Full PDB file with SEQRES, HELIX, SHEET, SSBOND, CRYST1, ORIGX, SCALE, CONECT and MASTER records, all heavy atoms in Angstrom:
SEQRES   1 A   39  GLY MET ARG ALA ILE THR TYR LEU ALA ASN ASN ARG PRO          
SEQRES   2 A   39  ASP LEU ILE LEU LEU ASP TYR GLU MET PRO VAL THR ASP          
SEQRES   3 A   39  GLY PRO GLN VAL LEU LYS MET ILE ARG ASP ASP SER SER          
HELIX    1 AA1 MET A    2  LEU A    8  1                                   7    
HELIX    2 AA2 GLY A   27  ASP A   36  1                                  10    
CRYST1    1.000    1.000    1.000  90.00  90.00  90.00 P 1           1          
ORIGX1      1.000000  0.000000  0.000000        0.00000                         
ORIGX2      0.000000  1.000000  0.000000        0.00000                         
ORIGX3      0.000000  0.000000  1.000000        0.00000                         
SCALE1      1.000000  0.000000  0.000000        0.00000                         
SCALE2      0.000000  1.000000  0.000000        0.00000                         
SCALE3      0.000000  0.000000  1.000000        0.00000                         
ATOM      1  N   GLY A   1     145.326  79.113  22.839  1.00  0.00           N  
ATOM      2  CA  GLY A   1     145.323  80.228  23.777  1.00  0.00           C  
ATOM      3  C   GLY A   1     144.042  81.029  23.733  1.00  0.00           C  
ATOM      4  O   GLY A   1     143.491  81.424  24.769  1.00  0.00           O  
ATOM      5  N   MET A   2     143.520  81.278  22.537  1.00  0.00           N  
ATOM      6  CA  MET A   2     142.312  82.086  22.425  1.00  0.00           C  
ATOM      7  C   MET A   2     141.081  81.341  22.935  1.00  0.00           C  
ATOM      8  O   MET A   2     140.154  81.961  23.468  1.00  0.00           O  
ATOM      9  CB  MET A   2     142.107  82.533  20.971  1.00  0.00           C  
ATOM     10  CG  MET A   2     143.159  83.531  20.497  1.00  0.00           C  
ATOM     11  SD  MET A   2     143.518  84.867  21.690  1.00  0.00           S  
ATOM     12  CE  MET A   2     141.914  85.666  21.829  1.00  0.00           C  
ATOM     13  N   ARG A   3     141.061  80.026  22.767  1.00  0.00           N  
ATOM     14  CA  ARG A   3     139.952  79.255  23.347  1.00  0.00           C  
ATOM     15  C   ARG A   3     139.980  79.361  24.876  1.00  0.00           C  
ATOM     16  O   ARG A   3     138.936  79.391  25.530  1.00  0.00           O  
ATOM     17  CB  ARG A   3     140.024  77.796  22.909  1.00  0.00           C  
ATOM     18  CG  ARG A   3     139.536  77.528  21.483  1.00  0.00           C  
ATOM     19  CD  ARG A   3     139.536  76.047  21.163  1.00  0.00           C  
ATOM     20  NE  ARG A   3     139.066  75.804  19.819  1.00  0.00           N  
ATOM     21  CZ  ARG A   3     137.797  75.652  19.462  1.00  0.00           C  
ATOM     22  NH1 ARG A   3     136.853  75.732  20.390  1.00  0.00           N  
ATOM     23  NH2 ARG A   3     137.457  75.420  18.215  1.00  0.00           N  
ATOM     24  N   ALA A   4     141.173  79.395  25.437  1.00  0.00           N  
ATOM     25  CA  ALA A   4     141.304  79.549  26.884  1.00  0.00           C  
ATOM     26  C   ALA A   4     140.753  80.898  27.339  1.00  0.00           C  
ATOM     27  O   ALA A   4     140.014  80.985  28.327  1.00  0.00           O  
ATOM     28  CB  ALA A   4     142.769  79.411  27.292  1.00  0.00           C  
ATOM     29  N   ILE A   5     141.107  81.961  26.609  1.00  0.00           N  
ATOM     30  CA  ILE A   5     140.620  83.296  26.956  1.00  0.00           C  
ATOM     31  C   ILE A   5     139.100  83.361  26.846  1.00  0.00           C  
ATOM     32  O   ILE A   5     138.416  83.962  27.686  1.00  0.00           O  
ATOM     33  CB  ILE A   5     141.270  84.366  26.049  1.00  0.00           C  
ATOM     34  CG1 ILE A   5     142.785  84.413  26.295  1.00  0.00           C  
ATOM     35  CG2 ILE A   5     140.643  85.727  26.284  1.00  0.00           C  
ATOM     36  CD1 ILE A   5     143.199  84.744  27.707  1.00  0.00           C  
ATOM     37  N   THR A   6     138.547  82.723  25.810  1.00  0.00           N  
ATOM     38  CA  THR A   6     137.085  82.676  25.650  1.00  0.00           C  
ATOM     39  C   THR A   6     136.439  81.947  26.817  1.00  0.00           C  
ATOM     40  O   THR A   6     135.410  82.383  27.358  1.00  0.00           O  
ATOM     41  CB  THR A   6     136.719  81.972  24.327  1.00  0.00           C  
ATOM     42  OG1 THR A   6     137.286  82.697  23.237  1.00  0.00           O  
ATOM     43  CG2 THR A   6     135.208  81.892  24.157  1.00  0.00           C  
ATOM     44  N   TYR A   7     137.038  80.836  27.230  1.00  0.00           N  
ATOM     45  CA  TYR A   7     136.516  80.066  28.367  1.00  0.00           C  
ATOM     46  C   TYR A   7     136.521  80.920  29.630  1.00  0.00           C  
ATOM     47  O   TYR A   7     135.561  80.908  30.418  1.00  0.00           O  
ATOM     48  CB  TYR A   7     137.369  78.808  28.562  1.00  0.00           C  
ATOM     49  CG  TYR A   7     136.989  77.986  29.769  1.00  0.00           C  
ATOM     50  CD1 TYR A   7     135.985  77.030  29.698  1.00  0.00           C  
ATOM     51  CD2 TYR A   7     137.634  78.169  30.990  1.00  0.00           C  
ATOM     52  CE1 TYR A   7     135.622  76.276  30.810  1.00  0.00           C  
ATOM     53  CE2 TYR A   7     137.286  77.424  32.104  1.00  0.00           C  
ATOM     54  CZ  TYR A   7     136.286  76.474  32.010  1.00  0.00           C  
ATOM     55  OH  TYR A   7     135.932  75.732  33.122  1.00  0.00           O  
ATOM     56  N   LEU A   8     137.586  81.672  29.838  1.00  0.00           N  
ATOM     57  CA  LEU A   8     137.727  82.473  31.055  1.00  0.00           C  
ATOM     58  C   LEU A   8     136.750  83.641  31.117  1.00  0.00           C  
ATOM     59  O   LEU A   8     136.536  84.220  32.175  1.00  0.00           O  
ATOM     60  CB  LEU A   8     139.163  82.988  31.174  1.00  0.00           C  
ATOM     61  CG  LEU A   8     140.226  81.913  31.421  1.00  0.00           C  
ATOM     62  CD1 LEU A   8     141.627  82.514  31.327  1.00  0.00           C  
ATOM     63  CD2 LEU A   8     140.023  81.254  32.782  1.00  0.00           C  
ATOM     64  N   ALA A   9     136.146  83.967  29.992  1.00  0.00           N  
ATOM     65  CA  ALA A   9     135.159  85.044  29.987  1.00  0.00           C  
ATOM     66  C   ALA A   9     133.936  84.680  30.818  1.00  0.00           C  
ATOM     67  O   ALA A   9     133.258  85.563  31.367  1.00  0.00           O  
ATOM     68  CB  ALA A   9     134.737  85.377  28.556  1.00  0.00           C  
ATOM     69  N   ASN A  10     133.654  83.376  30.945  1.00  0.00           N  
ATOM     70  CA  ASN A  10     132.464  82.928  31.673  1.00  0.00           C  
ATOM     71  C   ASN A  10     132.760  81.937  32.788  1.00  0.00           C  
ATOM     72  O   ASN A  10     131.834  81.476  33.464  1.00  0.00           O  
ATOM     73  CB  ASN A  10     131.472  82.279  30.701  1.00  0.00           C  
ATOM     74  CG  ASN A  10     130.979  83.234  29.643  1.00  0.00           C  
ATOM     75  OD1 ASN A  10     130.391  84.267  29.965  1.00  0.00           O  
ATOM     76  ND2 ASN A  10     131.224  82.918  28.378  1.00  0.00           N  
ATOM     77  N   ASN A  11     134.026  81.606  32.986  1.00  0.00           N  
ATOM     78  CA  ASN A  11     134.380  80.610  33.991  1.00  0.00           C  
ATOM     79  C   ASN A  11     135.619  81.059  34.757  1.00  0.00           C  
ATOM     80  O   ASN A  11     136.489  81.751  34.214  1.00  0.00           O  
ATOM     81  CB  ASN A  11     134.671  79.254  33.326  1.00  0.00           C  
ATOM     82  CG  ASN A  11     133.482  78.730  32.549  1.00  0.00           C  
ATOM     83  OD1 ASN A  11     132.583  78.103  33.103  1.00  0.00           O  
ATOM     84  ND2 ASN A  11     133.462  78.998  31.246  1.00  0.00           N  
ATOM     85  N   ARG A  12     135.708  80.634  36.011  1.00  0.00           N  
ATOM     86  CA  ARG A  12     136.854  81.005  36.839  1.00  0.00           C  
ATOM     87  C   ARG A  12     137.427  79.744  37.490  1.00  0.00           C  
ATOM     88  O   ARG A  12     136.983  79.340  38.573  1.00  0.00           O  
ATOM     89  CB  ARG A  12     136.451  82.022  37.895  1.00  0.00           C  
ATOM     90  CG  ARG A  12     137.629  82.532  38.713  1.00  0.00           C  
ATOM     91  CD  ARG A  12     137.202  83.538  39.768  1.00  0.00           C  
ATOM     92  NE  ARG A  12     138.318  83.885  40.624  1.00  0.00           N  
ATOM     93  CZ  ARG A  12     139.234  84.799  40.331  1.00  0.00           C  
ATOM     94  NH1 ARG A  12     139.159  85.465  39.196  1.00  0.00           N  
ATOM     95  NH2 ARG A  12     140.222  85.048  41.170  1.00  0.00           N  
ATOM     96  N   PRO A  13     138.413  79.114  36.857  1.00  0.00           N  
ATOM     97  CA  PRO A  13     139.026  77.923  37.445  1.00  0.00           C  
ATOM     98  C   PRO A  13     139.904  78.290  38.645  1.00  0.00           C  
ATOM     99  O   PRO A  13     140.308  79.447  38.819  1.00  0.00           O  
ATOM    100  CB  PRO A  13     139.871  77.365  36.296  1.00  0.00           C  
ATOM    101  CG  PRO A  13     140.205  78.569  35.472  1.00  0.00           C  
ATOM    102  CD  PRO A  13     139.005  79.464  35.552  1.00  0.00           C  
ATOM    103  N   ASP A  14     140.195  77.299  39.477  1.00  0.00           N  
ATOM    104  CA  ASP A  14     141.076  77.512  40.619  1.00  0.00           C  
ATOM    105  C   ASP A  14     142.545  77.505  40.201  1.00  0.00           C  
ATOM    106  O   ASP A  14     143.396  78.010  40.932  1.00  0.00           O  
ATOM    107  CB  ASP A  14     140.844  76.419  41.674  1.00  0.00           C  
ATOM    108  CG  ASP A  14     139.444  76.492  42.260  1.00  0.00           C  
ATOM    109  OD1 ASP A  14     139.103  77.537  42.833  1.00  0.00           O  
ATOM    110  OD2 ASP A  14     138.693  75.509  42.129  1.00  0.00           O  
ATOM    111  N   LEU A  15     142.821  76.927  39.040  1.00  0.00           N  
ATOM    112  CA  LEU A  15     144.197  76.849  38.540  1.00  0.00           C  
ATOM    113  C   LEU A  15     144.182  76.688  37.027  1.00  0.00           C  
ATOM    114  O   LEU A  15     143.313  76.005  36.479  1.00  0.00           O  
ATOM    115  CB  LEU A  15     144.925  75.658  39.185  1.00  0.00           C  
ATOM    116  CG  LEU A  15     146.324  75.309  38.671  1.00  0.00           C  
ATOM    117  CD1 LEU A  15     147.307  76.439  38.964  1.00  0.00           C  
ATOM    118  CD2 LEU A  15     146.810  74.006  39.290  1.00  0.00           C  
ATOM    119  N   ILE A  16     145.158  77.308  36.364  1.00  0.00           N  
ATOM    120  CA  ILE A  16     145.337  77.126  34.924  1.00  0.00           C  
ATOM    121  C   ILE A  16     146.683  76.469  34.687  1.00  0.00           C  
ATOM    122  O   ILE A  16     147.716  76.952  35.175  1.00  0.00           O  
ATOM    123  CB  ILE A  16     145.290  78.471  34.166  1.00  0.00           C  
ATOM    124  CG1 ILE A  16     143.945  79.162  34.382  1.00  0.00           C  
ATOM    125  CG2 ILE A  16     145.541  78.257  32.670  1.00  0.00           C  
ATOM    126  CD1 ILE A  16     143.887  80.583  33.843  1.00  0.00           C  
ATOM    127  N   LEU A  17     146.681  75.347  33.976  1.00  0.00           N  
ATOM    128  CA  LEU A  17     147.913  74.701  33.536  1.00  0.00           C  
ATOM    129  C   LEU A  17     148.102  75.089  32.076  1.00  0.00           C  
ATOM    130  O   LEU A  17     147.309  74.688  31.210  1.00  0.00           O  
ATOM    131  CB  LEU A  17     147.826  73.178  33.684  1.00  0.00           C  
ATOM    132  CG  LEU A  17     147.631  72.647  35.114  1.00  0.00           C  
ATOM    133  CD1 LEU A  17     147.567  71.126  35.112  1.00  0.00           C  
ATOM    134  CD2 LEU A  17     148.748  73.119  36.038  1.00  0.00           C  
ATOM    135  N   LEU A  18     149.120  75.890  31.795  1.00  0.00           N  
ATOM    136  CA  LEU A  18     149.247  76.560  30.496  1.00  0.00           C  
ATOM    137  C   LEU A  18     150.503  76.113  29.751  1.00  0.00           C  
ATOM    138  O   LEU A  18     151.626  76.258  30.260  1.00  0.00           O  
ATOM    139  CB  LEU A  18     149.282  78.076  30.726  1.00  0.00           C  
ATOM    140  CG  LEU A  18     149.475  78.988  29.524  1.00  0.00           C  
ATOM    141  CD1 LEU A  18     148.332  78.829  28.531  1.00  0.00           C  
ATOM    142  CD2 LEU A  18     149.570  80.442  29.993  1.00  0.00           C  
ATOM    143  N   ASP A  19     150.310  75.582  28.551  1.00  0.00           N  
ATOM    144  CA  ASP A  19     151.436  75.201  27.699  1.00  0.00           C  
ATOM    145  C   ASP A  19     152.261  76.439  27.366  1.00  0.00           C  
ATOM    146  O   ASP A  19     151.719  77.486  27.003  1.00  0.00           O  
ATOM    147  CB  ASP A  19     150.901  74.544  26.424  1.00  0.00           C  
ATOM    148  CG  ASP A  19     152.017  73.983  25.544  1.00  0.00           C  
ATOM    149  OD1 ASP A  19     153.154  73.837  26.037  1.00  0.00           O  
ATOM    150  OD2 ASP A  19     151.744  73.703  24.363  1.00  0.00           O  
ATOM    151  N   TYR A  20     153.577  76.318  27.483  1.00  0.00           N  
ATOM    152  CA  TYR A  20     154.455  77.456  27.219  1.00  0.00           C  
ATOM    153  C   TYR A  20     154.574  77.733  25.721  1.00  0.00           C  
ATOM    154  O   TYR A  20     154.526  78.870  25.281  1.00  0.00           O  
ATOM    155  CB  TYR A  20     155.839  77.194  27.813  1.00  0.00           C  
ATOM    156  CG  TYR A  20     156.778  78.371  27.720  1.00  0.00           C  
ATOM    157  CD1 TYR A  20     156.672  79.428  28.628  1.00  0.00           C  
ATOM    158  CD2 TYR A  20     157.763  78.433  26.746  1.00  0.00           C  
ATOM    159  CE1 TYR A  20     157.519  80.520  28.550  1.00  0.00           C  
ATOM    160  CE2 TYR A  20     158.623  79.519  26.668  1.00  0.00           C  
ATOM    161  CZ  TYR A  20     158.500  80.565  27.562  1.00  0.00           C  
ATOM    162  OH  TYR A  20     159.338  81.639  27.485  1.00  0.00           O  
ATOM    163  N   GLU A  21     154.708  76.656  24.934  1.00  0.00           N  
ATOM    164  CA  GLU A  21     154.899  76.809  23.486  1.00  0.00           C  
ATOM    165  C   GLU A  21     153.652  76.366  22.732  1.00  0.00           C  
ATOM    166  O   GLU A  21     153.316  75.190  22.712  1.00  0.00           O  
ATOM    167  CB  GLU A  21     156.108  75.988  23.028  1.00  0.00           C  
ATOM    168  CG  GLU A  21     157.427  76.469  23.604  1.00  0.00           C  
ATOM    169  CD  GLU A  21     158.608  75.669  23.086  1.00  0.00           C  
ATOM    170  OE1 GLU A  21     158.616  74.444  23.314  1.00  0.00           O  
ATOM    171  OE2 GLU A  21     159.500  76.258  22.467  1.00  0.00           O  
ATOM    172  N   MET A  22     152.967  77.337  22.119  1.00  0.00           N  
ATOM    173  CA  MET A  22     151.785  77.054  21.308  1.00  0.00           C  
ATOM    174  C   MET A  22     151.824  77.944  20.072  1.00  0.00           C  
ATOM    175  O   MET A  22     152.349  79.063  20.132  1.00  0.00           O  
ATOM    176  CB  MET A  22     150.490  77.317  22.088  1.00  0.00           C  
ATOM    177  CG  MET A  22     150.212  76.354  23.217  1.00  0.00           C  
ATOM    178  SD  MET A  22     148.575  76.639  23.973  1.00  0.00           S  
ATOM    179  CE  MET A  22     148.829  78.261  24.723  1.00  0.00           C  
ATOM    180  N   PRO A  23     151.245  77.489  18.965  1.00  0.00           N  
ATOM    181  CA  PRO A  23     151.195  78.338  17.763  1.00  0.00           C  
ATOM    182  C   PRO A  23     150.206  79.487  17.929  1.00  0.00           C  
ATOM    183  O   PRO A  23     149.311  79.433  18.768  1.00  0.00           O  
ATOM    184  CB  PRO A  23     150.737  77.360  16.673  1.00  0.00           C  
ATOM    185  CG  PRO A  23     149.975  76.296  17.412  1.00  0.00           C  
ATOM    186  CD  PRO A  23     150.662  76.154  18.736  1.00  0.00           C  
ATOM    187  N   VAL A  24     150.353  80.501  17.121  1.00  0.00           N  
ATOM    188  CA  VAL A  24     149.482  81.683  17.065  1.00  0.00           C  
ATOM    189  C   VAL A  24     149.573  82.505  18.354  1.00  0.00           C  
ATOM    190  O   VAL A  24     150.162  83.578  18.382  1.00  0.00           O  
ATOM    191  CB  VAL A  24     148.009  81.315  16.757  1.00  0.00           C  
ATOM    192  CG1 VAL A  24     147.190  82.593  16.572  1.00  0.00           C  
ATOM    193  CG2 VAL A  24     147.929  80.430  15.522  1.00  0.00           C  
ATOM    194  N   THR A  25     148.948  82.020  19.424  1.00  0.00           N  
ATOM    195  CA  THR A  25     148.995  82.718  20.712  1.00  0.00           C  
ATOM    196  C   THR A  25     149.681  81.798  21.715  1.00  0.00           C  
ATOM    197  O   THR A  25     149.091  80.820  22.168  1.00  0.00           O  
ATOM    198  CB  THR A  25     147.578  83.078  21.210  1.00  0.00           C  
ATOM    199  OG1 THR A  25     146.854  83.745  20.169  1.00  0.00           O  
ATOM    200  CG2 THR A  25     147.645  83.975  22.432  1.00  0.00           C  
ATOM    201  N   ASP A  26     150.933  82.108  22.052  1.00  0.00           N  
ATOM    202  CA  ASP A  26     151.685  81.194  22.912  1.00  0.00           C  
ATOM    203  C   ASP A  26     151.385  81.448  24.391  1.00  0.00           C  
ATOM    204  O   ASP A  26     150.651  82.374  24.763  1.00  0.00           O  
ATOM    205  CB  ASP A  26     153.185  81.285  22.627  1.00  0.00           C  
ATOM    206  CG  ASP A  26     153.759  82.674  22.916  1.00  0.00           C  
ATOM    207  OD1 ASP A  26     153.114  83.456  23.635  1.00  0.00           O  
ATOM    208  OD2 ASP A  26     154.871  82.960  22.418  1.00  0.00           O  
ATOM    209  N   GLY A  27     151.993  80.615  25.243  1.00  0.00           N  
ATOM    210  CA  GLY A  27     151.739  80.698  26.674  1.00  0.00           C  
ATOM    211  C   GLY A  27     152.034  82.055  27.282  1.00  0.00           C  
ATOM    212  O   GLY A  27     151.192  82.600  28.029  1.00  0.00           O  
ATOM    213  N   PRO A  28     153.203  82.651  27.015  1.00  0.00           N  
ATOM    214  CA  PRO A  28     153.493  83.973  27.572  1.00  0.00           C  
ATOM    215  C   PRO A  28     152.457  85.033  27.183  1.00  0.00           C  
ATOM    216  O   PRO A  28     152.093  85.885  27.999  1.00  0.00           O  
ATOM    217  CB  PRO A  28     154.869  84.290  26.978  1.00  0.00           C  
ATOM    218  CG  PRO A  28     155.511  82.951  26.815  1.00  0.00           C  
ATOM    219  CD  PRO A  28     154.394  82.046  26.391  1.00  0.00           C  
ATOM    220  N   GLN A  29     151.979  84.984  25.934  1.00  0.00           N  
ATOM    221  CA  GLN A  29     150.958  85.945  25.508  1.00  0.00           C  
ATOM    222  C   GLN A  29     149.656  85.736  26.273  1.00  0.00           C  
ATOM    223  O   GLN A  29     148.995  86.694  26.678  1.00  0.00           O  
ATOM    224  CB  GLN A  29     150.709  85.809  24.007  1.00  0.00           C  
ATOM    225  CG  GLN A  29     151.843  86.296  23.126  1.00  0.00           C  
ATOM    226  CD  GLN A  29     151.585  85.999  21.651  1.00  0.00           C  
ATOM    227  OE1 GLN A  29     151.483  84.844  21.247  1.00  0.00           O  
ATOM    228  NE2 GLN A  29     151.468  87.044  20.854  1.00  0.00           N  
ATOM    229  N   VAL A  30     149.292  84.465  26.449  1.00  0.00           N  
ATOM    230  CA  VAL A  30     148.060  84.153  27.189  1.00  0.00           C  
ATOM    231  C   VAL A  30     148.195  84.612  28.635  1.00  0.00           C  
ATOM    232  O   VAL A  30     147.265  85.209  29.203  1.00  0.00           O  
ATOM    233  CB  VAL A  30     147.748  82.639  27.126  1.00  0.00           C  
ATOM    234  CG1 VAL A  30     146.535  82.313  28.003  1.00  0.00           C  
ATOM    235  CG2 VAL A  30     147.497  82.196  25.696  1.00  0.00           C  
ATOM    236  N   LEU A  31     149.348  84.352  29.251  1.00  0.00           N  
ATOM    237  CA  LEU A  31     149.570  84.779  30.631  1.00  0.00           C  
ATOM    238  C   LEU A  31     149.429  86.292  30.754  1.00  0.00           C  
ATOM    239  O   LEU A  31     148.815  86.795  31.704  1.00  0.00           O  
ATOM    240  CB  LEU A  31     150.954  84.339  31.108  1.00  0.00           C  
ATOM    241  CG  LEU A  31     151.333  84.779  32.526  1.00  0.00           C  
ATOM    242  CD1 LEU A  31     150.377  84.189  33.554  1.00  0.00           C  
ATOM    243  CD2 LEU A  31     152.770  84.382  32.852  1.00  0.00           C  
ATOM    244  N   LYS A  32     149.981  87.032  29.797  1.00  0.00           N  
ATOM    245  CA  LYS A  32     149.879  88.500  29.834  1.00  0.00           C  
ATOM    246  C   LYS A  32     148.418  88.936  29.759  1.00  0.00           C  
ATOM    247  O   LYS A  32     147.989  89.839  30.494  1.00  0.00           O  
ATOM    248  CB  LYS A  32     150.671  89.118  28.690  1.00  0.00           C  
ATOM    249  CG  LYS A  32     150.710  90.648  28.736  1.00  0.00           C  
ATOM    250  CD  LYS A  32     151.559  91.220  27.611  1.00  0.00           C  
ATOM    251  CE  LYS A  32     151.726  92.727  27.779  1.00  0.00           C  
ATOM    252  NZ  LYS A  32     150.451  93.453  27.894  1.00  0.00           N  
ATOM    253  N   MET A  33     147.634  88.294  28.879  1.00  0.00           N  
ATOM    254  CA  MET A  33     146.221  88.653  28.758  1.00  0.00           C  
ATOM    255  C   MET A  33     145.468  88.356  30.052  1.00  0.00           C  
ATOM    256  O   MET A  33     144.595  89.127  30.470  1.00  0.00           O  
ATOM    257  CB  MET A  33     145.586  87.917  27.575  1.00  0.00           C  
ATOM    258  CG  MET A  33     145.990  88.479  26.226  1.00  0.00           C  
ATOM    259  SD  MET A  33     145.053  87.753  24.843  1.00  0.00           S  
ATOM    260  CE  MET A  33     145.943  86.219  24.602  1.00  0.00           C  
ATOM    261  N   ILE A  34     145.817  87.253  30.687  1.00  0.00           N  
ATOM    262  CA  ILE A  34     145.177  86.878  31.952  1.00  0.00           C  
ATOM    263  C   ILE A  34     145.512  87.902  33.030  1.00  0.00           C  
ATOM    264  O   ILE A  34     144.647  88.358  33.780  1.00  0.00           O  
ATOM    265  CB  ILE A  34     145.612  85.465  32.384  1.00  0.00           C  
ATOM    266  CG1 ILE A  34     145.023  84.410  31.439  1.00  0.00           C  
ATOM    267  CG2 ILE A  34     145.192  85.173  33.829  1.00  0.00           C  
ATOM    268  CD1 ILE A  34     145.573  83.015  31.647  1.00  0.00           C  
ATOM    269  N   ARG A  35     146.785  88.284  33.098  1.00  0.00           N  
ATOM    270  CA  ARG A  35     147.222  89.219  34.138  1.00  0.00           C  
ATOM    271  C   ARG A  35     146.720  90.642  33.891  1.00  0.00           C  
ATOM    272  O   ARG A  35     146.517  91.410  34.841  1.00  0.00           O  
ATOM    273  CB  ARG A  35     148.747  89.214  34.227  1.00  0.00           C  
ATOM    274  CG  ARG A  35     149.331  87.892  34.714  1.00  0.00           C  
ATOM    275  CD  ARG A  35     149.036  87.663  36.181  1.00  0.00           C  
ATOM    276  NE  ARG A  35     149.635  86.416  36.659  1.00  0.00           N  
ATOM    277  CZ  ARG A  35     148.947  85.321  36.962  1.00  0.00           C  
ATOM    278  NH1 ARG A  35     147.628  85.336  36.830  1.00  0.00           N  
ATOM    279  NH2 ARG A  35     149.556  84.238  37.402  1.00  0.00           N  
ATOM    280  N   ASP A  36     146.496  91.000  32.636  1.00  0.00           N  
ATOM    281  CA  ASP A  36     146.036  92.350  32.306  1.00  0.00           C  
ATOM    282  C   ASP A  36     144.536  92.535  32.504  1.00  0.00           C  
ATOM    283  O   ASP A  36     144.045  93.676  32.504  1.00  0.00           O  
ATOM    284  CB  ASP A  36     146.390  92.697  30.854  1.00  0.00           C  
ATOM    285  CG  ASP A  36     147.881  92.940  30.654  1.00  0.00           C  
ATOM    286  OD1 ASP A  36     148.595  93.101  31.666  1.00  0.00           O  
ATOM    287  OD2 ASP A  36     148.327  92.952  29.494  1.00  0.00           O  
ATOM    288  N   ASP A  37     143.809  91.440  32.670  1.00  0.00           N  
ATOM    289  CA  ASP A  37     142.356  91.505  32.838  1.00  0.00           C  
ATOM    290  C   ASP A  37     142.025  91.459  34.332  1.00  0.00           C  
ATOM    291  O   ASP A  37     142.406  90.530  35.032  1.00  0.00           O  
ATOM    292  CB  ASP A  37     141.702  90.323  32.112  1.00  0.00           C  
ATOM    293  CG  ASP A  37     140.181  90.444  32.052  1.00  0.00           C  
ATOM    294  OD1 ASP A  37     139.582  90.967  33.008  1.00  0.00           O  
ATOM    295  OD2 ASP A  37     139.600  90.000  31.054  1.00  0.00           O  
ATOM    296  N   SER A  38     141.311  92.458  34.819  1.00  0.00           N  
ATOM    297  CA  SER A  38     141.011  92.543  36.257  1.00  0.00           C  
ATOM    298  C   SER A  38     140.178  91.372  36.760  1.00  0.00           C  
ATOM    299  O   SER A  38     140.223  91.034  37.945  1.00  0.00           O  
ATOM    300  CB  SER A  38     140.276  93.862  36.559  1.00  0.00           C  
ATOM    301  OG  SER A  38     139.049  93.928  35.844  1.00  0.00           O  
ATOM    302  N   SER A  39     139.430  90.739  35.866  1.00  0.00           N  
ATOM    303  CA  SER A  39     138.575  89.626  36.289  1.00  0.00           C  
ATOM    304  C   SER A  39     139.333  88.303  36.386  1.00  0.00           C  
ATOM    305  O   SER A  39     138.837  87.337  36.973  1.00  0.00           O  
ATOM    306  CB  SER A  39     137.391  89.466  35.334  1.00  0.00           C  
ATOM    307  OG  SER A  39     137.825  89.071  34.043  1.00  0.00           O  
TER     308      SER A  39                                                      
MASTER        0    0    0    2    0    0    0    6  307    1    0    3          
END                                                                             
């Protein structure tokens, strides 16, 4: 999840396919971070 957030800091894909169950930072947490960031 954190590698995804790092990638999104400099890239804007047209779609994200996100695993729901992941260790450390799971899919729901990543989705929240994506939605909370205006960019």
